[in-house]
PDB file of all heavy atoms in Angstrom:
ATOM      1  N   PRO A   1      -3.937  11.439  -1.685  1.00  0.00           N
ATOM      2  CA  PRO A   1      -3.611   9.959  -1.633  1.00  0.00           C
ATOM      3  C   PRO A   1      -2.288   9.631  -1.161  1.00  0.00           C
ATOM      4  O   PRO A   1      -1.175  10.153  -1.627  1.00  0.00           O
ATOM      5  CB  PRO A   1      -3.715   9.590  -3.147  1.00  0.00           C
ATOM      6  CG  PRO A   1      -4.646  10.684  -3.818  1.00  0.00           C
ATOM      7  CD  PRO A   1      -4.371  11.887  -3.004  1.00  0.00           C
ATOM      8  N   GLY A   2      -2.267   8.942  -0.087  1.00  0.00           N
ATOM      9  CA  GLY A   2      -0.989   8.489   0.560  1.00  0.00           C
ATOM     10  C   GLY A   2      -0.422   9.564   1.521  1.00  0.00           C
ATOM     11  O   GLY A   2       0.786   9.341   2.023  1.00  0.00           O
ATOM     12  N   GLN A   3      -1.130  10.608   1.747  1.00  0.00           N
ATOM     13  CA  GLN A   3      -0.557  11.709   2.597  1.00  0.00           C
ATOM     14  C   GLN A   3      -1.525  12.060   3.743  1.00  0.00           C
ATOM     15  O   GLN A   3      -2.705  12.219   3.584  1.00  0.00           O
ATOM     16  CB  GLN A   3      -0.399  13.054   1.738  1.00  0.00           C
ATOM     17  CG  GLN A   3       0.377  12.931   0.429  1.00  0.00           C
ATOM     18  CD  GLN A   3       1.830  12.649   0.668  1.00  0.00           C
ATOM     19  OE1 GLN A   3       2.443  13.153   1.672  1.00  0.00           O
ATOM     20  NE2 GLN A   3       2.400  11.720  -0.013  1.00  0.00           N
ATOM     21  N   PHE A   4      -1.033  11.960   4.966  1.00  0.00           N
ATOM     22  CA  PHE A   4      -1.745  12.107   6.192  1.00  0.00           C
ATOM     23  C   PHE A   4      -1.093  12.959   7.186  1.00  0.00           C
ATOM     24  O   PHE A   4       0.153  13.061   7.198  1.00  0.00           O
ATOM     25  CB  PHE A   4      -2.011  10.726   6.863  1.00  0.00           C
ATOM     26  CG  PHE A   4      -2.599   9.748   5.876  1.00  0.00           C
ATOM     27  CD1 PHE A   4      -1.854   8.905   5.078  1.00  0.00           C
ATOM     28  CD2 PHE A   4      -4.091   9.563   5.921  1.00  0.00           C
ATOM     29  CE1 PHE A   4      -2.447   8.025   4.307  1.00  0.00           C
ATOM     30  CE2 PHE A   4      -4.659   8.642   5.083  1.00  0.00           C
ATOM     31  CZ  PHE A   4      -3.874   7.797   4.230  1.00  0.00           C
ATOM     32  N   ASP A   5      -1.851  13.742   7.943  1.00  0.00           N
ATOM     33  CA  ASP A   5      -1.340  14.539   9.098  1.00  0.00           C
ATOM     34  C   ASP A   5      -2.017  13.952  10.358  1.00  0.00           C
ATOM     35  O   ASP A   5      -3.202  13.669  10.253  1.00  0.00           O
ATOM     36  CB  ASP A   5      -1.685  15.991   8.881  1.00  0.00           C
ATOM     37  CG  ASP A   5      -0.566  16.728   8.183  1.00  0.00           C
ATOM     38  OD1 ASP A   5       0.432  16.155   7.960  1.00  0.00           O
ATOM     39  OD2 ASP A   5      -0.803  17.918   7.864  1.00  0.00           O
ATOM     40  N   SER A   6      -1.265  13.920  11.479  1.00  0.00           N
ATOM     41  CA  SER A   6      -1.839  13.649  12.762  1.00  0.00           C
ATOM     42  C   SER A   6      -1.826  14.830  13.606  1.00  0.00           C
ATOM     43  O   SER A   6      -0.983  15.720  13.529  1.00  0.00           O
ATOM     44  CB  SER A   6      -0.955  12.485  13.392  1.00  0.00           C
ATOM     45  OG  SER A   6       0.265  12.821  13.552  1.00  0.00           O
ATOM     46  N   ALA A   7      -2.917  15.001  14.478  1.00  0.00           N
ATOM     47  CA  ALA A   7      -2.979  16.147  15.269  1.00  0.00           C
ATOM     48  C   ALA A   7      -1.797  16.414  16.180  1.00  0.00           C
ATOM     49  O   ALA A   7      -1.431  17.619  16.415  1.00  0.00           O
ATOM     50  CB  ALA A   7      -4.264  15.991  16.220  1.00  0.00           C
ATOM     51  N   THR A   8      -1.272  15.460  16.622  1.00  0.00           N
ATOM     52  CA  THR A   8       0.095  15.475  17.431  1.00  0.00           C
ATOM     53  C   THR A   8       0.919  14.525  16.941  1.00  0.00           C
ATOM     54  O   THR A   8       0.660  13.568  16.230  1.00  0.00           O
ATOM     55  CB  THR A   8      -0.163  15.284  18.944  1.00  0.00           C
ATOM     56  OG1 THR A   8      -0.764  14.014  19.191  1.00  0.00           O
ATOM     57  CG2 THR A   8      -1.212  16.384  19.490  1.00  0.00           C
ATOM     58  N   SER A   9       2.317  14.692  17.291  1.00  0.00           N
ATOM     59  CA  SER A   9       3.285  13.701  16.885  1.00  0.00           C
ATOM     60  C   SER A   9       2.977  12.315  17.447  1.00  0.00           C
ATOM     61  O   SER A   9       2.511  12.212  18.656  1.00  0.00           O
ATOM     62  CB  SER A   9       4.752  14.096  17.296  1.00  0.00           C
ATOM     63  OG  SER A   9       5.018  15.339  16.571  1.00  0.00           O
ATOM     64  N   ALA A  10       3.223  11.294  16.642  1.00  0.00           N
ATOM     65  CA  ALA A  10       2.973  10.035  17.144  1.00  0.00           C
ATOM     66  C   ALA A  10       4.153   9.044  16.706  1.00  0.00           C
ATOM     67  O   ALA A  10       4.867   9.328  15.771  1.00  0.00           O
ATOM     68  CB  ALA A  10       1.688   9.490  16.499  1.00  0.00           C
ATOM     69  N   SER A  11       4.447   8.056  17.493  1.00  0.00           N
ATOM     70  CA  SER A  11       5.522   7.156  17.117  1.00  0.00           C
ATOM     71  C   SER A  11       4.991   5.721  16.918  1.00  0.00           C
ATOM     72  O   SER A  11       5.892   4.875  16.642  1.00  0.00           O
ATOM     73  CB  SER A  11       6.413   7.065  18.343  1.00  0.00           C
ATOM     74  OG  SER A  11       5.828   6.665  19.566  1.00  0.00           O
ATOM     75  N   HIS A  12       3.661   5.563  16.835  1.00  0.00           N
ATOM     76  CA  HIS A  12       3.069   4.310  16.443  1.00  0.00           C
ATOM     77  C   HIS A  12       2.086   4.508  15.370  1.00  0.00           C
ATOM     78  O   HIS A  12       1.362   5.560  15.355  1.00  0.00           O
ATOM     79  CB  HIS A  12       2.458   3.663  17.702  1.00  0.00           C
ATOM     80  CG  HIS A  12       3.486   3.331  18.796  1.00  0.00           C
ATOM     81  ND1 HIS A  12       4.158   2.127  18.800  1.00  0.00           N
ATOM     82  CD2 HIS A  12       3.879   4.010  19.892  1.00  0.00           C
ATOM     83  CE1 HIS A  12       4.913   2.120  19.858  1.00  0.00           C
ATOM     84  NE2 HIS A  12       4.800   3.304  20.513  1.00  0.00           N
ATOM     85  N   PHE A  13       1.962   3.502  14.533  1.00  0.00           N
ATOM     86  CA  PHE A  13       0.953   3.686  13.378  1.00  0.00           C
ATOM     87  C   PHE A  13       0.432   2.307  12.970  1.00  0.00           C
ATOM     88  O   PHE A  13       0.994   1.247  13.309  1.00  0.00           O
ATOM     89  CB  PHE A  13       1.622   4.338  12.228  1.00  0.00           C
ATOM     90  CG  PHE A  13       2.908   3.728  11.754  1.00  0.00           C
ATOM     91  CD1 PHE A  13       2.983   2.623  10.835  1.00  0.00           C
ATOM     92  CD2 PHE A  13       4.229   4.119  12.232  1.00  0.00           C
ATOM     93  CE1 PHE A  13       4.154   1.996  10.438  1.00  0.00           C
ATOM     94  CE2 PHE A  13       5.361   3.520  11.878  1.00  0.00           C
ATOM     95  CZ  PHE A  13       5.299   2.374  10.989  1.00  0.00           C
ATOM     96  N   ARG A  14      -0.703   2.354  12.317  1.00  0.00           N
ATOM     97  CA  ARG A  14      -1.198   1.109  11.610  1.00  0.00           C
ATOM     98  C   ARG A  14      -2.008   1.534  10.427  1.00  0.00           C
ATOM     99  O   ARG A  14      -2.723   2.543  10.382  1.00  0.00           O
ATOM    100  CB  ARG A  14      -2.187   0.498  12.755  1.00  0.00           C
ATOM    101  CG  ARG A  14      -2.807  -0.842  12.252  1.00  0.00           C
ATOM    102  CD  ARG A  14      -3.665  -1.522  13.298  1.00  0.00           C
ATOM    103  NE  ARG A  14      -4.767  -0.660  13.766  1.00  0.00           N
ATOM    104  CZ  ARG A  14      -4.939  -0.197  14.924  1.00  0.00           C
ATOM    105  NH1 ARG A  14      -3.961  -0.400  15.874  1.00  0.00           N
ATOM    106  NH2 ARG A  14      -5.845   0.472  15.398  1.00  0.00           N
ATOM    107  N   TYR A  15      -1.940   0.634   9.382  1.00  0.00           N
ATOM    108  CA  TYR A  15      -2.778   0.927   8.122  1.00  0.00           C
ATOM    109  C   TYR A  15      -2.888  -0.374   7.374  1.00  0.00           C
ATOM    110  O   TYR A  15      -2.183  -1.373   7.698  1.00  0.00           O
ATOM    111  CB  TYR A  15      -2.051   2.039   7.375  1.00  0.00           C
ATOM    112  CG  TYR A  15      -0.626   1.771   6.945  1.00  0.00           C
ATOM    113  CD1 TYR A  15      -0.381   1.184   5.775  1.00  0.00           C
ATOM    114  CD2 TYR A  15       0.386   2.025   7.888  1.00  0.00           C
ATOM    115  CE1 TYR A  15       1.060   0.998   5.381  1.00  0.00           C
ATOM    116  CE2 TYR A  15       1.764   1.790   7.470  1.00  0.00           C
ATOM    117  CZ  TYR A  15       2.042   1.153   6.333  1.00  0.00           C
ATOM    118  OH  TYR A  15       3.234   0.915   5.910  1.00  0.00           O
ATOM    119  N   GLU A  16      -3.666  -0.275   6.325  1.00  0.00           N
ATOM    120  CA  GLU A  16      -3.828  -1.480   5.403  1.00  0.00           C
ATOM    121  C   GLU A  16      -3.325  -1.036   4.040  1.00  0.00           C
ATOM    122  O   GLU A  16      -3.518   0.186   3.641  1.00  0.00           O
ATOM    123  CB  GLU A  16      -5.281  -1.985   5.384  1.00  0.00           C
ATOM    124  CG  GLU A  16      -5.767  -2.491   6.652  1.00  0.00           C
ATOM    125  CD  GLU A  16      -7.138  -3.080   6.628  1.00  0.00           C
ATOM    126  OE1 GLU A  16      -7.669  -3.188   5.491  1.00  0.00           O
ATOM    127  OE2 GLU A  16      -7.754  -3.270   7.767  1.00  0.00           O
ATOM    128  N   VAL A  17      -2.959  -1.900   3.245  1.00  0.00           N
ATOM    129  CA  VAL A  17      -2.613  -1.677   1.862  1.00  0.00           C
ATOM    130  C   VAL A  17      -3.297  -2.647   0.939  1.00  0.00           C
ATOM    131  O   VAL A  17      -3.228  -3.891   1.187  1.00  0.00           O
ATOM    132  CB  VAL A  17      -1.026  -1.657   1.593  1.00  0.00           C
ATOM    133  CG1 VAL A  17      -0.814  -1.252   0.098  1.00  0.00           C
ATOM    134  CG2 VAL A  17      -0.361  -0.848   2.563  1.00  0.00           C
ATOM    135  N   ASN A  18      -4.182  -2.200   0.038  1.00  0.00           N
ATOM    136  CA  ASN A  18      -4.743  -2.975  -0.885  1.00  0.00           C
ATOM    137  C   ASN A  18      -3.917  -3.404  -2.038  1.00  0.00           C
ATOM    138  O   ASN A  18      -3.593  -2.536  -2.798  1.00  0.00           O
ATOM    139  CB  ASN A  18      -6.140  -2.289  -1.430  1.00  0.00           C
ATOM    140  CG  ASN A  18      -6.986  -3.078  -2.277  1.00  0.00           C
ATOM    141  OD1 ASN A  18      -6.624  -4.257  -2.712  1.00  0.00           O
ATOM    142  ND2 ASN A  18      -8.150  -2.660  -2.612  1.00  0.00           N
ATOM    143  N   LEU A  19      -3.554  -4.628  -2.124  1.00  0.00           N
ATOM    144  CA  LEU A  19      -2.627  -5.102  -3.099  1.00  0.00           C
ATOM    145  C   LEU A  19      -3.322  -6.013  -4.192  1.00  0.00           C
ATOM    146  O   LEU A  19      -2.531  -6.820  -4.764  1.00  0.00           O
ATOM    147  CB  LEU A  19      -1.379  -5.877  -2.468  1.00  0.00           C
ATOM    148  CG  LEU A  19      -0.585  -5.027  -1.408  1.00  0.00           C
ATOM    149  CD1 LEU A  19       0.566  -5.930  -0.914  1.00  0.00           C
ATOM    150  CD2 LEU A  19       0.020  -3.827  -2.180  1.00  0.00           C
ATOM    151  N   ALA A  20      -4.480  -5.792  -4.279  1.00  0.00           N
ATOM    152  CA  ALA A  20      -5.289  -6.518  -5.362  1.00  0.00           C
ATOM    153  C   ALA A  20      -4.660  -6.304  -6.723  1.00  0.00           C
ATOM    154  O   ALA A  20      -4.477  -5.007  -7.016  1.00  0.00           O
ATOM    155  CB  ALA A  20      -6.719  -6.317  -5.372  1.00  0.00           C
ATOM    156  N   PRO A  21      -4.311  -7.255  -7.451  1.00  0.00           N
ATOM    157  CA  PRO A  21      -3.695  -7.013  -8.917  1.00  0.00           C
ATOM    158  C   PRO A  21      -4.685  -6.222  -9.673  1.00  0.00           C
ATOM    159  O   PRO A  21      -5.620  -6.754 -10.073  1.00  0.00           O
ATOM    160  CB  PRO A  21      -3.513  -8.490  -9.378  1.00  0.00           C
ATOM    161  CG  PRO A  21      -3.453  -9.296  -8.191  1.00  0.00           C
ATOM    162  CD  PRO A  21      -4.406  -8.778  -7.272  1.00  0.00           C
ATOM    163  N   ARG A  22      -4.191  -5.063 -10.058  1.00  0.00           N
ATOM    164  CA  ARG A  22      -4.956  -4.202 -10.940  1.00  0.00           C
ATOM    165  C   ARG A  22      -4.138  -3.610 -12.079  1.00  0.00           C
ATOM    166  O   ARG A  22      -4.660  -2.879 -12.955  1.00  0.00           O
ATOM    167  CB  ARG A  22      -5.459  -2.927 -10.204  1.00  0.00           C
ATOM    168  CG  ARG A  22      -6.495  -3.408  -8.979  1.00  0.00           C
ATOM    169  CD  ARG A  22      -6.890  -2.314  -8.258  1.00  0.00           C
ATOM    170  NE  ARG A  22      -7.853  -2.612  -7.121  1.00  0.00           N
ATOM    171  CZ  ARG A  22      -8.211  -1.731  -6.246  1.00  0.00           C
ATOM    172  NH1 ARG A  22      -7.849  -0.475  -6.300  1.00  0.00           N
ATOM    173  NH2 ARG A  22      -9.026  -2.088  -5.230  1.00  0.00           N
ATOM    174  N   LEU A  23      -2.846  -3.991 -11.980  1.00  0.00           N
ATOM    175  CA  LEU A  23      -1.981  -3.316 -12.999  1.00  0.00           C
ATOM    176  C   LEU A  23      -1.627  -4.273 -14.184  1.00  0.00           C
ATOM    177  O   LEU A  23      -2.068  -5.420 -14.222  1.00  0.00           O
ATOM    178  CB  LEU A  23      -0.636  -3.047 -12.328  1.00  0.00           C
ATOM    179  CG  LEU A  23      -0.673  -2.148 -10.999  1.00  0.00           C
ATOM    180  CD1 LEU A  23       0.564  -2.061 -10.276  1.00  0.00           C
ATOM    181  CD2 LEU A  23      -1.274  -0.764 -11.376  1.00  0.00           C
ATOM    182  N   SER A  24      -0.927  -3.769 -15.121  1.00  0.00           N
ATOM    183  CA  SER A  24      -0.539  -4.612 -16.331  1.00  0.00           C
ATOM    184  C   SER A  24       0.597  -5.610 -15.787  1.00  0.00           C
ATOM    185  O   SER A  24       1.261  -5.395 -14.836  1.00  0.00           O
ATOM    186  CB  SER A  24       0.023  -3.764 -17.380  1.00  0.00           C
ATOM    187  OG  SER A  24       1.112  -3.137 -17.018  1.00  0.00           O
ATOM    188  N   GLY A  25       0.766  -6.719 -16.458  1.00  0.00           N
ATOM    189  CA  GLY A  25       1.643  -7.802 -16.137  1.00  0.00           C
ATOM    190  C   GLY A  25       3.114  -7.121 -16.007  1.00  0.00           C
ATOM    191  O   GLY A  25       3.876  -7.588 -15.233  1.00  0.00           O
ATOM    192  N   SER A  26       3.326  -6.211 -16.920  1.00  0.00           N
ATOM    193  CA  SER A  26       4.698  -5.676 -16.945  1.00  0.00           C
ATOM    194  C   SER A  26       5.034  -4.907 -15.692  1.00  0.00           C
ATOM    195  O   SER A  26       6.291  -4.701 -15.250  1.00  0.00           O
ATOM    196  CB  SER A  26       4.995  -4.755 -18.158  1.00  0.00           C
ATOM    197  OG  SER A  26       4.006  -3.648 -18.075  1.00  0.00           O
ATOM    198  N   ASP A  27       3.995  -4.558 -14.940  1.00  0.00           N
ATOM    199  CA  ASP A  27       4.295  -3.734 -13.660  1.00  0.00           C
ATOM    200  C   ASP A  27       4.411  -4.619 -12.466  1.00  0.00           C
ATOM    201  O   ASP A  27       4.853  -4.314 -11.432  1.00  0.00           O
ATOM    202  CB  ASP A  27       3.088  -2.770 -13.362  1.00  0.00           C
ATOM    203  CG  ASP A  27       3.070  -1.666 -14.341  1.00  0.00           C
ATOM    204  OD1 ASP A  27       4.042  -1.336 -14.876  1.00  0.00           O
ATOM    205  OD2 ASP A  27       1.887  -1.086 -14.555  1.00  0.00           O
ATOM    206  N   ALA A  28       4.144  -5.948 -12.665  1.00  0.00           N
ATOM    207  CA  ALA A  28       4.068  -6.904 -11.603  1.00  0.00           C
ATOM    208  C   ALA A  28       5.429  -7.014 -10.944  1.00  0.00           C
ATOM    209  O   ALA A  28       5.634  -7.460  -9.781  1.00  0.00           O
ATOM    210  CB  ALA A  28       3.589  -8.256 -12.042  1.00  0.00           C
ATOM    211  N   ALA A  29       6.570  -6.934 -11.722  1.00  0.00           N
ATOM    212  CA  ALA A  29       7.921  -7.069 -11.101  1.00  0.00           C
ATOM    213  C   ALA A  29       8.504  -5.790 -10.527  1.00  0.00           C
ATOM    214  O   ALA A  29       9.606  -5.732 -10.065  1.00  0.00           O
ATOM    215  CB  ALA A  29       8.891  -7.450 -12.317  1.00  0.00           C
ATOM    216  N   ARG A  30       7.672  -4.682 -10.563  1.00  0.00           N
ATOM    217  CA  ARG A  30       8.171  -3.355 -10.078  1.00  0.00           C
ATOM    218  C   ARG A  30       7.444  -2.855  -8.868  1.00  0.00           C
ATOM    219  O   ARG A  30       8.012  -1.942  -8.240  1.00  0.00           O
ATOM    220  CB  ARG A  30       8.039  -2.428 -11.232  1.00  0.00           C
ATOM    221  CG  ARG A  30       8.917  -2.781 -12.454  1.00  0.00           C
ATOM    222  CD  ARG A  30       8.895  -1.576 -13.473  1.00  0.00           C
ATOM    223  NE  ARG A  30       7.558  -1.428 -14.128  1.00  0.00           N
ATOM    224  CZ  ARG A  30       7.254  -0.423 -14.850  1.00  0.00           C
ATOM    225  NH1 ARG A  30       8.022   0.684 -14.832  1.00  0.00           N
ATOM    226  NH2 ARG A  30       6.058  -0.252 -15.439  1.00  0.00           N
ATOM    227  N   VAL A  31       6.285  -3.396  -8.554  1.00  0.00           N
ATOM    228  CA  VAL A  31       5.522  -2.845  -7.410  1.00  0.00           C
ATOM    229  C   VAL A  31       5.006  -4.063  -6.612  1.00  0.00           C
ATOM    230  O   VAL A  31       4.900  -5.231  -7.121  1.00  0.00           O
ATOM    231  CB  VAL A  31       4.470  -1.829  -7.673  1.00  0.00           C
ATOM    232  CG1 VAL A  31       5.057  -0.550  -8.286  1.00  0.00           C
ATOM    233  CG2 VAL A  31       3.498  -2.427  -8.673  1.00  0.00           C
ATOM    234  N   SER A  32       4.530  -3.766  -5.472  1.00  0.00           N
ATOM    235  CA  SER A  32       4.035  -4.923  -4.600  1.00  0.00           C
ATOM    236  C   SER A  32       2.586  -5.297  -5.071  1.00  0.00           C
ATOM    237  O   SER A  32       1.866  -4.548  -5.571  1.00  0.00           O
ATOM    238  CB  SER A  32       3.831  -4.414  -3.155  1.00  0.00           C
ATOM    239  OG  SER A  32       5.100  -4.013  -2.525  1.00  0.00           O
ATOM    240  N   TRP A  33       2.323  -6.634  -4.843  1.00  0.00           N
ATOM    241  CA  TRP A  33       0.952  -7.155  -5.205  1.00  0.00           C
ATOM    242  C   TRP A  33       0.749  -8.462  -4.412  1.00  0.00           C
ATOM    243  O   TRP A  33       1.839  -9.031  -3.944  1.00  0.00           O
ATOM    244  CB  TRP A  33       0.872  -7.469  -6.758  1.00  0.00           C
ATOM    245  CG  TRP A  33       1.893  -8.365  -7.322  1.00  0.00           C
ATOM    246  CD1 TRP A  33       3.130  -7.891  -7.832  1.00  0.00           C
ATOM    247  CD2 TRP A  33       1.888  -9.785  -7.457  1.00  0.00           C
ATOM    248  NE1 TRP A  33       3.744  -8.994  -8.426  1.00  0.00           N
ATOM    249  CE2 TRP A  33       2.978 -10.199  -8.034  1.00  0.00           C
ATOM    250  CE3 TRP A  33       0.997 -10.680  -7.043  1.00  0.00           C
ATOM    251  CZ2 TRP A  33       3.357 -11.498  -8.307  1.00  0.00           C
ATOM    252  CZ3 TRP A  33       1.238 -12.044  -7.322  1.00  0.00           C
ATOM    253  CH2 TRP A  33       2.385 -12.486  -8.004  1.00  0.00           C
ATOM    254  N   LEU A  34      -0.368  -8.897  -4.273  1.00  0.00           N
ATOM    255  CA  LEU A  34      -0.684 -10.121  -3.436  1.00  0.00           C
ATOM    256  C   LEU A  34      -1.954 -10.667  -4.035  1.00  0.00           C
ATOM    257  O   LEU A  34      -2.984 -10.008  -4.159  1.00  0.00           O
ATOM    258  CB  LEU A  34      -0.828  -9.805  -1.994  1.00  0.00           C
ATOM    259  CG  LEU A  34      -1.089 -10.918  -1.029  1.00  0.00           C
ATOM    260  CD1 LEU A  34       0.087 -11.851  -0.959  1.00  0.00           C
ATOM    261  CD2 LEU A  34      -1.434 -10.380   0.392  1.00  0.00           C
ATOM    262  N   ASN A  35      -1.912 -12.000  -4.191  1.00  0.00           N
ATOM    263  CA  ASN A  35      -3.150 -12.674  -4.531  1.00  0.00           C
ATOM    264  C   ASN A  35      -3.264 -13.903  -3.694  1.00  0.00           C
ATOM    265  O   ASN A  35      -2.571 -14.020  -2.597  1.00  0.00           O
ATOM    266  CB  ASN A  35      -3.348 -13.127  -6.065  1.00  0.00           C
ATOM    267  CG  ASN A  35      -2.041 -14.127  -6.433  1.00  0.00           C
ATOM    268  OD1 ASN A  35      -1.556 -14.884  -5.657  1.00  0.00           O
ATOM    269  ND2 ASN A  35      -1.697 -13.949  -7.697  1.00  0.00           N
ATOM    270  N   LYS A  36      -4.194 -14.839  -3.853  1.00  0.00           N
ATOM    271  CA  LYS A  36      -4.527 -15.880  -2.997  1.00  0.00           C
ATOM    272  C   LYS A  36      -3.435 -17.023  -2.891  1.00  0.00           C
ATOM    273  O   LYS A  36      -3.419 -17.746  -1.977  1.00  0.00           O
ATOM    274  CB  LYS A  36      -5.916 -16.497  -3.338  1.00  0.00           C
ATOM    275  CG  LYS A  36      -7.118 -15.601  -3.108  1.00  0.00           C
ATOM    276  CD  LYS A  36      -8.303 -16.322  -3.423  1.00  0.00           C
ATOM    277  CE  LYS A  36      -9.569 -15.390  -3.192  1.00  0.00           C
ATOM    278  NZ  LYS A  36     -10.807 -16.065  -3.513  1.00  0.00           N
ATOM    279  N   GLN A  37      -2.552 -16.882  -3.943  1.00  0.00           N
ATOM    280  CA  GLN A  37      -1.529 -17.964  -4.004  1.00  0.00           C
ATOM    281  C   GLN A  37      -0.212 -17.519  -3.560  1.00  0.00           C
ATOM    282  O   GLN A  37       0.582 -18.207  -2.893  1.00  0.00           O
ATOM    283  CB  GLN A  37      -1.422 -18.538  -5.391  1.00  0.00           C
ATOM    284  CG  GLN A  37      -2.539 -19.465  -5.836  1.00  0.00           C
ATOM    285  CD  GLN A  37      -3.869 -18.642  -6.234  1.00  0.00           C
ATOM    286  OE1 GLN A  37      -3.647 -17.588  -6.899  1.00  0.00           O
ATOM    287  NE2 GLN A  37      -5.049 -19.097  -5.898  1.00  0.00           N
TER     288      GLN A  37
END
């Protein structure tokens, strides 16, 4: 999880991060999250 190797060295990248709220409310001030508002 979160660890990738590329066949050759690269200087450009692209990815997505799923930030749907799944954590407890106390964690909301410590990690990234995103909702519709």
